[in-house]
Amino acid sequence: MRVNKYEPHILVLPEDDANRQLARGFLLDPGLLTQKIQVLEEVGGWREVLNRFNIDHARGMDRFNQRYMILLIDFDDTPTRLNEAKASIPDHLTERVFVLGARTDPEALRQAKLGSYETIGLAMAQDCREDTNTIWDHDLLRHNAGEIERLREHVRPFLFRAID
């Protein structure tokens, strides 16, 4: 599904197929307004995510000021990865770009018995919708806390509807 670029929306740019599957799982949340989020094709590598963001998407964010981006990457157990990624984002876009991912890689999440990629992605969405940290507090995801807090503040109001 394509988003309406004139209304608040999110584009998700995944590094690889595993990250794309996590994002697809996120889309399964029953409270998610699916017309407000679009998962793009994976691009192959965290540096390529940053490259493609700057080449293909930064200009679009300038044109559509209600667009938000999630760069979904593997942190490869590299503590400086978030700072490296953020350094490549133009200053005027940093409030609308979020860098998220597993501390190592998504396969480690499955090996930690958190379920399939889709199940993990669904749990991530539920935590975002309910303002909880059940999955996000896992050791392999905890490093995302600052980005998740910013994400909730900016996108939760338009991304989820109340469910009974």
Protein backbone atom coordinates (compact mmCIF):
# COMPACT_ATOMS: atom_id res chain seq x y z
CA MET A 1 0.00 0.00 0.00
CA ARG A 2 1.21 3.48 -0.80
CA VAL A 3 0.91 6.30 1.68
CA ASN A 4 -0.67 9.70 1.09
CA LYS A 5 2.42 11.91 0.97
CA TYR A 6 0.41 15.01 1.92
CA GLU A 7 -0.64 13.53 5.28
CA PRO A 8 1.59 12.36 8.14
CA HIS A 9 3.21 9.06 7.17
CA ILE A 10 6.27 6.87 7.68
CA LEU A 11 8.57 5.18 5.18
CA VAL A 12 10.65 2.29 6.48
CA LEU A 13 13.95 1.61 4.71
CA PRO A 14 15.26 -1.83 5.75
CA GLU A 15 18.85 -2.97 5.40
CA ASP A 16 18.06 -6.56 4.45
CA ASP A 17 15.30 -9.12 4.11
CA ALA A 18 15.29 -9.99 7.82
CA ASN A 19 14.73 -6.35 8.74
CA ARG A 20 12.05 -6.09 6.06
CA GLN A 21 10.29 -9.08 7.64
CA LEU A 22 10.43 -7.39 11.07
CA ALA A 23 8.80 -4.33 9.51
CA ARG A 24 6.15 -6.48 7.81
CA GLY A 25 5.37 -8.02 11.21
CA PHE A 26 4.90 -4.51 12.60
CA LEU A 27 2.21 -3.98 9.94
CA LEU A 28 0.17 -6.85 11.42
CA ASP A 29 -0.82 -4.89 14.53
CA PRO A 30 -4.63 -4.54 14.57
CA GLY A 31 -4.43 -0.94 15.78
CA LEU A 32 -2.04 0.19 13.07
CA LEU A 33 -3.37 2.53 10.39
CA THR A 34 -1.64 0.74 7.52
CA GLN A 35 -2.26 3.58 5.06
CA LYS A 36 0.15 5.69 7.17
CA ILE A 37 3.21 3.45 6.81
CA GLN A 38 5.03 1.91 3.87
CA VAL A 39 7.85 -0.63 4.03
CA LEU A 40 10.28 -0.12 1.17
CA GLU A 41 12.44 -2.80 -0.44
CA GLU A 42 15.62 -3.79 1.36
CA VAL A 43 18.81 -2.20 0.03
CA GLY A 44 21.65 -4.47 1.23
CA GLY A 45 23.84 -3.15 4.04
CA TRP A 46 23.61 -0.42 6.67
CA ARG A 47 25.87 1.94 4.72
CA GLU A 48 23.66 1.47 1.68
CA VAL A 49 20.61 2.38 3.80
CA LEU A 50 22.30 5.69 4.64
CA ASN A 51 23.43 6.21 1.07
CA ARG A 52 19.97 5.51 -0.38
CA PHE A 53 18.33 7.68 2.26
CA ASN A 54 20.49 10.64 1.26
CA ILE A 55 20.26 10.05 -2.49
CA ASP A 56 16.67 8.87 -2.85
CA HIS A 57 14.70 10.12 0.16
CA ALA A 58 16.14 13.29 1.76
CA ARG A 59 14.81 15.49 -1.03
CA GLY A 60 11.37 13.92 -0.69
CA MET A 61 11.40 14.69 3.01
CA ASP A 62 12.14 18.31 2.13
CA ARG A 63 9.13 18.36 -0.20
CA PHE A 64 6.78 16.49 2.13
CA ASN A 65 7.23 17.87 5.62
CA GLN A 66 4.87 15.32 7.17
CA ARG A 67 7.06 12.41 6.07
CA TYR A 68 9.03 10.45 8.66
CA MET A 69 11.66 7.80 7.92
CA ILE A 70 12.77 4.76 9.86
CA LEU A 71 16.18 3.46 8.84
CA LEU A 72 16.11 -0.18 9.93
CA ILE A 73 19.68 -1.48 10.20
CA ASP A 74 21.82 -4.08 11.95
CA PHE A 75 24.03 -2.56 14.62
CA ASP A 76 26.49 -5.49 14.30
CA ASP A 77 27.44 -5.12 17.98
CA THR A 78 29.08 -1.78 17.14
CA PRO A 79 28.33 0.78 19.88
CA THR A 80 29.17 3.72 17.59
CA ARG A 81 26.79 2.64 14.80
CA LEU A 82 23.93 4.93 15.90
CA ASN A 83 26.19 7.98 16.01
CA GLU A 84 27.73 7.07 12.65
CA ALA A 85 24.29 6.71 11.11
CA LYS A 86 22.96 9.94 12.61
CA ALA A 87 26.02 11.85 11.42
CA SER A 88 25.03 11.12 7.83
CA ILE A 89 21.50 12.52 8.21
CA PRO A 90 21.13 16.19 7.22
CA ASP A 91 20.69 18.32 10.34
CA HIS A 92 17.34 19.74 9.25
CA LEU A 93 15.88 16.20 8.98
CA THR A 94 17.14 14.63 12.22
CA GLU A 95 13.84 15.19 14.06
CA ARG A 96 11.97 13.11 11.46
CA VAL A 97 14.47 10.29 10.90
CA PHE A 98 14.81 7.36 13.30
CA VAL A 99 17.55 4.73 13.26
CA LEU A 100 16.48 1.39 14.72
CA GLY A 101 17.68 -2.19 14.70
CA ALA A 102 18.93 -5.21 16.58
CA ARG A 103 22.13 -4.76 18.60
CA THR A 104 23.72 -7.49 16.49
CA ASP A 105 21.38 -8.65 13.72
CA PRO A 106 17.77 -9.84 13.46
CA GLU A 107 18.81 -13.50 13.41
CA ALA A 108 19.98 -13.09 17.02
CA LEU A 109 16.42 -12.10 17.95
CA ARG A 110 15.13 -15.39 16.57
CA GLN A 111 17.94 -17.31 18.25
CA ALA A 112 16.91 -15.67 21.54
CA LYS A 113 13.57 -17.47 21.05
CA LEU A 114 11.54 -14.29 20.58
CA GLY A 115 9.68 -15.90 17.68
CA SER A 116 9.63 -15.41 13.94
CA TYR A 117 10.57 -12.05 12.47
CA GLU A 118 6.90 -11.30 11.93
CA THR A 119 6.03 -12.20 15.55
CA ILE A 120 8.84 -9.98 16.82
CA GLY A 121 7.72 -7.11 14.57
CA LEU A 122 4.15 -7.47 15.80
CA ALA A 123 5.36 -7.35 19.43
CA MET A 124 7.32 -4.18 18.60
CA ALA A 125 4.17 -2.56 17.22
CA GLN A 126 2.13 -3.59 20.24
CA ASP A 127 4.73 -2.02 22.55
CA CYS A 128 4.63 1.19 20.50
CA ARG A 129 0.84 1.30 20.50
CA GLU A 130 0.49 0.50 24.21
CA ASP A 131 3.48 2.62 25.30
CA THR A 132 5.15 -0.42 26.88
CA ASN A 133 8.63 -1.89 26.56
CA THR A 134 8.01 -5.64 26.73
CA ILE A 135 10.02 -6.47 23.59
CA TRP A 136 11.98 -3.22 23.35
CA ASP A 137 13.53 -3.89 26.77
CA HIS A 138 15.19 -7.09 25.52
CA ASP A 139 18.99 -6.97 25.65
CA LEU A 140 19.21 -7.06 21.85
CA LEU A 141 16.82 -4.10 21.45
CA ARG A 142 17.33 -1.98 24.57
CA HIS A 143 19.85 0.31 22.84
CA ASN A 144 16.94 1.70 20.77
CA ALA A 145 15.32 3.34 23.83
CA GLY A 146 16.11 6.95 22.86
CA GLU A 147 14.95 6.50 19.28
CA ILE A 148 11.81 4.66 20.39
CA GLU A 149 10.92 7.47 22.78
CA ARG A 150 11.31 10.03 19.99
CA LEU A 151 9.38 7.82 17.59
CA ARG A 152 6.47 7.42 20.00
CA GLU A 153 6.34 11.16 20.58
CA HIS A 154 6.23 12.02 16.88
CA VAL A 155 4.33 9.23 15.14
CA ARG A 156 2.18 7.37 17.63
CA PRO A 157 -0.60 10.01 17.47
CA PHE A 158 -1.22 9.40 13.75
CA LEU A 159 -0.04 5.81 13.34
CA PHE A 160 -2.39 3.91 15.69
CA ARG A 161 -6.10 3.88 16.38
CA ALA A 162 -7.62 2.66 19.62
CA ILE A 163 -8.63 -0.98 19.62
CA ASP A 164 -11.08 -2.65 21.98
